[in-house]
């Protein structure tokens, strides 16, 4: 399942686009958190904002997990190519 999601992401969005979306989303969340006092947000809007924030953070977690898996796979591939040679 992870591989299929990774292939779909790579087919739809380039690495640069993904990075841009993550940075823009992070900046938006930080701006909203710092600009709008929580006491001024209506309860219904707060409910939707927290749901959107959670989904965005889960998306970031998913992207990070996919990148970590790619690095781990690369490490496995690289280490399997190395062979110890005994020299006499």
Protein backbone atom coordinates (compact mmCIF):
# COMPACT_ATOMS: atom_id res chain seq x y z
CA UNK A 1 0.00 0.00 0.00
CA UNK A 2 2.81 2.42 0.87
CA UNK A 3 4.52 1.78 -2.46
CA UNK A 4 1.31 2.40 -4.36
CA UNK A 5 0.73 5.68 -2.52
CA UNK A 6 4.32 6.72 -3.17
CA UNK A 7 4.00 5.98 -6.92
CA UNK A 8 0.74 7.94 -7.08
CA UNK A 9 2.31 10.92 -5.29
CA UNK A 10 5.33 10.91 -7.60
CA UNK A 11 3.10 10.65 -10.67
CA UNK A 12 0.95 13.59 -9.58
CA UNK A 13 3.39 15.94 -7.87
CA UNK A 14 7.08 16.59 -8.33
CA UNK A 15 9.36 16.69 -5.31
CA UNK A 16 9.62 20.48 -5.63
CA UNK A 17 5.83 20.85 -5.77
CA UNK A 18 5.39 18.66 -2.69
CA UNK A 19 7.97 20.70 -0.78
CA UNK A 20 6.28 23.95 -1.82
CA UNK A 21 2.85 22.72 -0.71
CA UNK A 22 4.21 21.59 2.65
CA UNK A 23 6.01 24.90 3.24
CA UNK A 24 2.98 26.96 2.19
CA UNK A 25 0.64 24.90 4.35
CA UNK A 26 2.95 25.15 7.34
CA UNK A 27 3.19 28.92 6.95
CA UNK A 28 -0.59 29.18 6.68
CA UNK A 29 -1.12 27.18 9.88
CA UNK A 30 1.49 29.22 11.75
CA UNK A 31 -0.05 32.47 10.54
CA UNK A 32 -3.55 31.46 11.55
CA UNK A 33 -2.36 30.25 14.95
CA UNK A 34 -0.56 33.52 15.67
CA UNK A 35 -2.93 36.06 14.08
CA UNK A 36 -6.37 34.91 15.14
CA UNK A 37 -6.91 34.64 18.90
CA UNK A 38 -8.63 31.36 19.68
CA UNK A 39 -11.25 33.18 21.76
CA UNK A 40 -12.38 35.10 18.65
CA UNK A 41 -12.95 32.04 16.48
CA UNK A 42 -16.57 30.82 16.49
CA UNK A 43 -16.98 27.27 17.81
CA UNK A 44 -18.06 25.85 14.44
CA UNK A 45 -15.13 27.48 12.65
CA UNK A 46 -12.72 26.25 15.33
CA UNK A 47 -14.03 22.71 14.82
CA UNK A 48 -13.34 22.88 11.06
CA UNK A 49 -9.98 24.61 11.56
CA UNK A 50 -8.77 21.93 13.98
CA UNK A 51 -9.96 19.19 11.61
CA UNK A 52 -8.12 20.84 8.69
CA UNK A 53 -5.01 21.31 10.82
CA UNK A 54 -5.08 17.65 11.86
CA UNK A 55 -5.47 16.50 8.25
CA UNK A 56 -2.61 18.72 7.12
CA UNK A 57 -0.36 17.39 9.87
CA UNK A 58 -1.30 13.82 8.97
CA UNK A 59 -0.43 14.59 5.34
CA UNK A 60 2.96 15.92 6.41
CA UNK A 61 3.51 12.83 8.56
CA UNK A 62 2.66 10.62 5.58
CA UNK A 63 5.11 12.47 3.32
CA UNK A 64 7.83 12.28 5.98
CA UNK A 65 7.17 8.56 6.49
CA UNK A 66 7.40 7.95 2.73
CA UNK A 67 10.69 9.86 2.54
CA UNK A 68 12.09 7.96 5.54
CA UNK A 69 11.12 4.68 3.89
CA UNK A 70 12.85 5.75 0.68
CA UNK A 71 16.03 6.56 2.63
CA UNK A 72 15.88 3.24 4.48
CA UNK A 73 15.38 1.40 1.19
CA UNK A 74 18.36 3.26 -0.28
CA UNK A 75 20.50 2.34 2.73
CA UNK A 76 19.54 -1.33 2.33
CA UNK A 77 20.37 -1.22 -1.39
CA UNK A 78 23.70 0.54 -0.82
CA UNK A 79 24.79 -1.76 1.98
CA UNK A 80 23.92 -4.86 -0.04
CA UNK A 81 26.30 -3.72 -2.79
CA UNK A 82 29.23 -3.52 -0.42
CA UNK A 83 31.29 -6.65 0.03
CA UNK A 84 34.11 -7.30 2.37
CA UNK A 85 37.21 -8.48 0.58
CA UNK A 86 39.90 -10.17 2.61
CA UNK A 87 43.38 -9.26 1.45
CA UNK A 88 46.30 -11.50 2.34
